[in-house]
Amino acid sequence: KDTVQAIGQHNQEILDGLLREADVAF
């Protein structure tokens, strides 16, 4: 679970940044 949660946390940070980028573009 630690490995999966680390992957998940990193992925969520990237996803959050992309969602902000999408908001700006829209």
PDB file of all heavy atoms in Angstrom:
ATOM      1  N   LYS A   1       0.812  -1.222   0.000  1.00  0.00           N
ATOM      2  CA  LYS A   1       0.000   0.000   0.000  1.00  0.00           C
ATOM      3  C   LYS A   1       0.843   1.269   0.000  1.00  0.00           C
ATOM      4  O   LYS A   1       0.444   2.266  -0.585  1.00  0.00           O
ATOM      5  CB  LYS A   1      -0.976  -0.008   1.166  1.00  0.00           C
ATOM      6  CG  LYS A   1      -0.385   0.285   2.511  1.00  0.00           C
ATOM      7  CD  LYS A   1      -1.465   0.367   3.566  1.00  0.00           C
ATOM      8  CE  LYS A   1      -0.856   0.912   4.843  1.00  0.00           C
ATOM      9  NZ  LYS A   1      -1.837   1.169   5.854  1.00  0.00           N
ATOM     10  N   ASP A   2       2.018   1.239   0.619  1.00  0.00           N
ATOM     11  CA  ASP A   2       2.848   2.446   0.653  1.00  0.00           C
ATOM     12  C   ASP A   2       3.283   2.858  -0.750  1.00  0.00           C
ATOM     13  O   ASP A   2       3.259   4.043  -1.092  1.00  0.00           O
ATOM     14  CB  ASP A   2       4.069   2.235   1.551  1.00  0.00           C
ATOM     15  CG  ASP A   2       3.694   2.095   3.021  1.00  0.00           C
ATOM     16  OD1 ASP A   2       2.623   2.602   3.415  1.00  0.00           O
ATOM     17  OD2 ASP A   2       4.476   1.471   3.774  1.00  0.00           O
ATOM     18  N   THR A   3       3.666   1.889  -1.550  1.00  0.00           N
ATOM     19  CA  THR A   3       4.081   2.172  -2.921  1.00  0.00           C
ATOM     20  C   THR A   3       2.911   2.723  -3.724  1.00  0.00           C
ATOM     21  O   THR A   3       3.038   3.726  -4.432  1.00  0.00           O
ATOM     22  CB  THR A   3       4.639   0.901  -3.598  1.00  0.00           C
ATOM     23  OG1 THR A   3       5.738   0.419  -2.835  1.00  0.00           O
ATOM     24  CG2 THR A   3       5.078   1.176  -5.019  1.00  0.00           C
ATOM     25  N   VAL A   4       1.762   2.071  -3.609  1.00  0.00           N
ATOM     26  CA  VAL A   4       0.583   2.505  -4.352  1.00  0.00           C
ATOM     27  C   VAL A   4       0.142   3.891  -3.891  1.00  0.00           C
ATOM     28  O   VAL A   4      -0.200   4.746  -4.712  1.00  0.00           O
ATOM     29  CB  VAL A   4      -0.565   1.479  -4.222  1.00  0.00           C
ATOM     30  CG1 VAL A   4      -1.851   2.019  -4.823  1.00  0.00           C
ATOM     31  CG2 VAL A   4      -0.176   0.174  -4.887  1.00  0.00           C
ATOM     32  N   GLN A   5       0.180   4.133  -2.609  1.00  0.00           N
ATOM     33  CA  GLN A   5      -0.229   5.444  -2.104  1.00  0.00           C
ATOM     34  C   GLN A   5       0.747   6.535  -2.542  1.00  0.00           C
ATOM     35  O   GLN A   5       0.331   7.654  -2.841  1.00  0.00           O
ATOM     36  CB  GLN A   5      -0.391   5.411  -0.590  1.00  0.00           C
ATOM     37  CG  GLN A   5      -1.640   4.665  -0.179  1.00  0.00           C
ATOM     38  CD  GLN A   5      -1.831   4.579   1.325  1.00  0.00           C
ATOM     39  OE1 GLN A   5      -0.871   4.481   2.092  1.00  0.00           O
ATOM     40  NE2 GLN A   5      -3.091   4.601   1.736  1.00  0.00           N
ATOM     41  N   ALA A   6       2.037   6.218  -2.628  1.00  0.00           N
ATOM     42  CA  ALA A   6       3.022   7.194  -3.111  1.00  0.00           C
ATOM     43  C   ALA A   6       2.757   7.512  -4.586  1.00  0.00           C
ATOM     44  O   ALA A   6       2.798   8.681  -4.996  1.00  0.00           O
ATOM     45  CB  ALA A   6       4.436   6.667  -2.923  1.00  0.00           C
ATOM     46  N   ILE A   7       2.479   6.486  -5.366  1.00  0.00           N
ATOM     47  CA  ILE A   7       2.139   6.696  -6.777  1.00  0.00           C
ATOM     48  C   ILE A   7       0.870   7.538  -6.871  1.00  0.00           C
ATOM     49  O   ILE A   7       0.795   8.484  -7.659  1.00  0.00           O
ATOM     50  CB  ILE A   7       1.964   5.340  -7.508  1.00  0.00           C
ATOM     51  CG1 ILE A   7       3.303   4.607  -7.604  1.00  0.00           C
ATOM     52  CG2 ILE A   7       1.345   5.545  -8.891  1.00  0.00           C
ATOM     53  CD1 ILE A   7       3.198   3.167  -8.064  1.00  0.00           C
ATOM     54  N   GLY A   8      -0.115   7.193  -6.054  1.00  0.00           N
ATOM     55  CA  GLY A   8      -1.377   7.928  -6.049  1.00  0.00           C
ATOM     56  C   GLY A   8      -1.209   9.380  -5.662  1.00  0.00           C
ATOM     57  O   GLY A   8      -1.809  10.268  -6.276  1.00  0.00           O
ATOM     58  N   GLN A   9      -0.385   9.644  -4.662  1.00  0.00           N
ATOM     59  CA  GLN A   9      -0.173  11.021  -4.215  1.00  0.00           C
ATOM     60  C   GLN A   9       0.513  11.839  -5.308  1.00  0.00           C
ATOM     61  O   GLN A   9       0.106  12.961  -5.603  1.00  0.00           O
ATOM     62  CB  GLN A   9       0.655  11.051  -2.934  1.00  0.00           C
ATOM     63  CG  GLN A   9       0.875  12.443  -2.391  1.00  0.00           C
ATOM     64  CD  GLN A   9       1.622  12.449  -1.073  1.00  0.00           C
ATOM     65  OE1 GLN A   9       1.911  11.412  -0.487  1.00  0.00           O
ATOM     66  NE2 GLN A   9       1.956  13.627  -0.598  1.00  0.00           N
ATOM     67  N   HIS A  10       1.552  11.273  -5.917  1.00  0.00           N
ATOM     68  CA  HIS A  10       2.255  11.972  -6.992  1.00  0.00           C
ATOM     69  C   HIS A  10       1.313  12.221  -8.172  1.00  0.00           C
ATOM     70  O   HIS A  10       1.292  13.313  -8.751  1.00  0.00           O
ATOM     71  CB  HIS A  10       3.481  11.169  -7.434  1.00  0.00           C
ATOM     72  CG  HIS A  10       4.262  11.828  -8.521  1.00  0.00           C
ATOM     73  ND1 HIS A  10       4.980  12.982  -8.320  1.00  0.00           N
ATOM     74  CD2 HIS A  10       4.405  11.513  -9.828  1.00  0.00           C
ATOM     75  CE1 HIS A  10       5.543  13.348  -9.459  1.00  0.00           C
ATOM     76  NE2 HIS A  10       5.208  12.460 -10.399  1.00  0.00           N
ATOM     77  N   ASN A  11       0.532  11.207  -8.507  1.00  0.00           N
ATOM     78  CA  ASN A  11      -0.429  11.331  -9.597  1.00  0.00           C
ATOM     79  C   ASN A  11      -1.446  12.427  -9.297  1.00  0.00           C
ATOM     80  O   ASN A  11      -1.794  13.216 -10.184  1.00  0.00           O
ATOM     81  CB  ASN A  11      -1.132   9.990  -9.822  1.00  0.00           C
ATOM     82  CG  ASN A  11      -2.048  10.009 -11.009  1.00  0.00           C
ATOM     83  OD1 ASN A  11      -1.599  10.042 -12.139  1.00  0.00           O
ATOM     84  ND2 ASN A  11      -3.351  10.004 -10.751  1.00  0.00           N
ATOM     85  N   GLN A  12      -1.921  12.497  -8.057  1.00  0.00           N
ATOM     86  CA  GLN A  12      -2.917  13.506  -7.682  1.00  0.00           C
ATOM     87  C   GLN A  12      -2.341  14.915  -7.806  1.00  0.00           C
ATOM     88  O   GLN A  12      -3.037  15.833  -8.246  1.00  0.00           O
ATOM     89  CB  GLN A  12      -3.428  13.261  -6.267  1.00  0.00           C
ATOM     90  CG  GLN A  12      -4.610  14.132  -5.901  1.00  0.00           C
ATOM     91  CD  GLN A  12      -5.821  13.859  -6.784  1.00  0.00           C
ATOM     92  OE1 GLN A  12      -6.226  12.716  -6.948  1.00  0.00           O
ATOM     93  NE2 GLN A  12      -6.396  14.901  -7.356  1.00  0.00           N
ATOM     94  N   GLU A  13      -1.067  15.079  -7.453  1.00  0.00           N
ATOM     95  CA  GLU A  13      -0.425  16.394  -7.588  1.00  0.00           C
ATOM     96  C   GLU A  13      -0.379  16.820  -9.055  1.00  0.00           C
ATOM     97  O   GLU A  13      -0.673  17.974  -9.386  1.00  0.00           O
ATOM     98  CB  GLU A  13       0.983  16.357  -6.998  1.00  0.00           C
ATOM     99  CG  GLU A  13       1.000  16.220  -5.494  1.00  0.00           C
ATOM    100  CD  GLU A  13       2.363  15.876  -4.922  1.00  0.00           C
ATOM    101  OE1 GLU A  13       3.352  15.814  -5.691  1.00  0.00           O
ATOM    102  OE2 GLU A  13       2.442  15.659  -3.695  1.00  0.00           O
ATOM    103  N   ILE A  14      -0.031  15.886  -9.930  1.00  0.00           N
ATOM    104  CA  ILE A  14       0.006  16.187 -11.362  1.00  0.00           C
ATOM    105  C   ILE A  14      -1.403  16.489 -11.867  1.00  0.00           C
ATOM    106  O   ILE A  14      -1.614  17.471 -12.590  1.00  0.00           O
ATOM    107  CB  ILE A  14       0.627  15.014 -12.145  1.00  0.00           C
ATOM    108  CG1 ILE A  14       2.100  14.868 -11.792  1.00  0.00           C
ATOM    109  CG2 ILE A  14       0.441  15.212 -13.651  1.00  0.00           C
ATOM    110  CD1 ILE A  14       2.748  13.603 -12.310  1.00  0.00           C
ATOM    111  N   LEU A  15      -2.353  15.668 -11.474  1.00  0.00           N
ATOM    112  CA  LEU A  15      -3.742  15.852 -11.890  1.00  0.00           C
ATOM    113  C   LEU A  15      -4.280  17.201 -11.435  1.00  0.00           C
ATOM    114  O   LEU A  15      -4.925  17.916 -12.213  1.00  0.00           O
ATOM    115  CB  LEU A  15      -4.589  14.701 -11.342  1.00  0.00           C
ATOM    116  CG  LEU A  15      -5.979  14.471 -11.894  1.00  0.00           C
ATOM    117  CD1 LEU A  15      -5.985  14.389 -13.408  1.00  0.00           C
ATOM    118  CD2 LEU A  15      -6.564  13.199 -11.308  1.00  0.00           C
ATOM    119  N   ASP A  16      -3.995  17.580 -10.205  1.00  0.00           N
ATOM    120  CA  ASP A  16      -4.446  18.884  -9.700  1.00  0.00           C
ATOM    121  C   ASP A  16      -3.865  20.027 -10.531  1.00  0.00           C
ATOM    122  O   ASP A  16      -4.562  20.993 -10.856  1.00  0.00           O
ATOM    123  CB  ASP A  16      -4.068  19.060  -8.231  1.00  0.00           C
ATOM    124  CG  ASP A  16      -4.868  18.176  -7.297  1.00  0.00           C
ATOM    125  OD1 ASP A  16      -5.915  17.638  -7.717  1.00  0.00           O
ATOM    126  OD2 ASP A  16      -4.431  17.998  -6.136  1.00  0.00           O
ATOM    127  N   GLY A  17      -2.582  19.931 -10.869  1.00  0.00           N
ATOM    128  CA  GLY A  17      -1.944  20.956 -11.697  1.00  0.00           C
ATOM    129  C   GLY A  17      -2.573  21.040 -13.082  1.00  0.00           C
ATOM    130  O   GLY A  17      -2.812  22.138 -13.608  1.00  0.00           O
ATOM    131  N   LEU A  18      -2.847  19.883 -13.669  1.00  0.00           N
ATOM    132  CA  LEU A  18      -3.483  19.871 -14.987  1.00  0.00           C
ATOM    133  C   LEU A  18      -4.897  20.432 -14.941  1.00  0.00           C
ATOM    134  O   LEU A  18      -5.325  21.139 -15.863  1.00  0.00           O
ATOM    135  CB  LEU A  18      -3.495  18.442 -15.553  1.00  0.00           C
ATOM    136  CG  LEU A  18      -2.138  17.900 -16.000  1.00  0.00           C
ATOM    137  CD1 LEU A  18      -2.235  16.421 -16.312  1.00  0.00           C
ATOM    138  CD2 LEU A  18      -1.597  18.678 -17.194  1.00  0.00           C
ATOM    139  N   LEU A  19      -5.620  20.144 -13.872  1.00  0.00           N
ATOM    140  CA  LEU A  19      -6.968  20.698 -13.732  1.00  0.00           C
ATOM    141  C   LEU A  19      -6.921  22.216 -13.622  1.00  0.00           C
ATOM    142  O   LEU A  19      -7.773  22.914 -14.192  1.00  0.00           O
ATOM    143  CB  LEU A  19      -7.685  20.076 -12.536  1.00  0.00           C
ATOM    144  CG  LEU A  19      -8.096  18.614 -12.726  1.00  0.00           C
ATOM    145  CD1 LEU A  19      -8.494  17.983 -11.396  1.00  0.00           C
ATOM    146  CD2 LEU A  19      -9.216  18.493 -13.749  1.00  0.00           C
ATOM    147  N   ARG A  20      -5.912  22.744 -12.929  1.00  0.00           N
ATOM    148  CA  ARG A  20      -5.749  24.203 -12.861  1.00  0.00           C
ATOM    149  C   ARG A  20      -5.438  24.767 -14.247  1.00  0.00           C
ATOM    150  O   ARG A  20      -5.978  25.804 -14.643  1.00  0.00           O
ATOM    151  CB  ARG A  20      -4.663  24.580 -11.856  1.00  0.00           C
ATOM    152  CG  ARG A  20      -5.107  24.457 -10.406  1.00  0.00           C
ATOM    153  CD  ARG A  20      -4.100  25.067  -9.435  1.00  0.00           C
ATOM    154  NE  ARG A  20      -2.824  24.384  -9.437  1.00  0.00           N
ATOM    155  CZ  ARG A  20      -2.536  23.291  -8.723  1.00  0.00           C
ATOM    156  NH1 ARG A  20      -3.457  22.770  -7.938  1.00  0.00           N
ATOM    157  NH2 ARG A  20      -1.332  22.744  -8.773  1.00  0.00           N
ATOM    158  N   GLU A  21      -4.563  24.074 -14.990  1.00  0.00           N
ATOM    159  CA  GLU A  21      -4.240  24.505 -16.359  1.00  0.00           C
ATOM    160  C   GLU A  21      -5.491  24.521 -17.233  1.00  0.00           C
ATOM    161  O   GLU A  21      -5.690  25.442 -18.028  1.00  0.00           O
ATOM    162  CB  GLU A  21      -3.216  23.572 -17.002  1.00  0.00           C
ATOM    163  CG  GLU A  21      -1.794  23.794 -16.580  1.00  0.00           C
ATOM    164  CD  GLU A  21      -0.847  22.879 -17.352  1.00  0.00           C
ATOM    165  OE1 GLU A  21      -0.920  22.838 -18.603  1.00  0.00           O
ATOM    166  OE2 GLU A  21      -0.035  22.203 -16.693  1.00  0.00           O
ATOM    167  N   ALA A  22      -6.305  23.494 -17.099  1.00  0.00           N
ATOM    168  CA  ALA A  22      -7.540  23.430 -17.890  1.00  0.00           C
ATOM    169  C   ALA A  22      -8.466  24.583 -17.524  1.00  0.00           C
ATOM    170  O   ALA A  22      -9.066  25.204 -18.418  1.00  0.00           O
ATOM    171  CB  ALA A  22      -8.240  22.086 -17.684  1.00  0.00           C
ATOM    172  N   ASP A  23      -8.584  24.881 -16.231  1.00  0.00           N
ATOM    173  CA  ASP A  23      -9.426  26.001 -15.797  1.00  0.00           C
ATOM    174  C   ASP A  23      -8.959  27.311 -16.430  1.00  0.00           C
ATOM    175  O   ASP A  23      -9.778  28.096 -16.910  1.00  0.00           O
ATOM    176  CB  ASP A  23      -9.420  26.137 -14.269  1.00  0.00           C
ATOM    177  CG  ASP A  23     -10.284  25.111 -13.572  1.00  0.00           C
ATOM    178  OD1 ASP A  23     -11.136  24.492 -14.252  1.00  0.00           O
ATOM    179  OD2 ASP A  23     -10.104  24.914 -12.347  1.00  0.00           O
ATOM    180  N   VAL A  24      -7.645  27.534 -16.427  1.00  0.00           N
ATOM    181  CA  VAL A  24      -7.096  28.756 -17.018  1.00  0.00           C
ATOM    182  C   VAL A  24      -7.409  28.798 -18.514  1.00  0.00           C
ATOM    183  O   VAL A  24      -7.834  29.822 -19.041  1.00  0.00           O
ATOM    184  CB  VAL A  24      -5.572  28.853 -16.758  1.00  0.00           C
ATOM    185  CG1 VAL A  24      -4.937  29.956 -17.583  1.00  0.00           C
ATOM    186  CG2 VAL A  24      -5.301  29.063 -15.270  1.00  0.00           C
ATOM    187  N   ALA A  25      -7.197  27.683 -19.194  1.00  0.00           N
ATOM    188  CA  ALA A  25      -7.447  27.642 -20.641  1.00  0.00           C
ATOM    189  C   ALA A  25      -8.924  27.881 -20.947  1.00  0.00           C
ATOM    190  O   ALA A  25      -9.254  28.649 -21.861  1.00  0.00           O
ATOM    191  CB  ALA A  25      -6.984  26.298 -21.211  1.00  0.00           C
ATOM    192  N   PHE A  26      -9.812  27.234 -20.197  1.00  0.00           N
ATOM    193  CA  PHE A  26     -11.240  27.450 -20.431  1.00  0.00           C
ATOM    194  C   PHE A  26     -11.629  28.895 -20.134  1.00  0.00           C
ATOM    195  O   PHE A  26     -12.409  29.492 -20.866  1.00  0.00           O
ATOM    196  CB  PHE A  26     -12.097  26.490 -19.597  1.00  0.00           C
ATOM    197  CG  PHE A  26     -12.197  25.104 -20.175  1.00  0.00           C
ATOM    198  CD1 PHE A  26     -11.758  24.012 -19.447  1.00  0.00           C
ATOM    199  CD2 PHE A  26     -12.744  24.891 -21.436  1.00  0.00           C
ATOM    200  CE1 PHE A  26     -11.857  22.728 -19.967  1.00  0.00           C
ATOM    201  CE2 PHE A  26     -12.852  23.617 -21.964  1.00  0.00           C
ATOM    202  CZ  PHE A  26     -12.405  22.521 -21.236  1.00  0.00           C
TER     203      PHE A  26
END
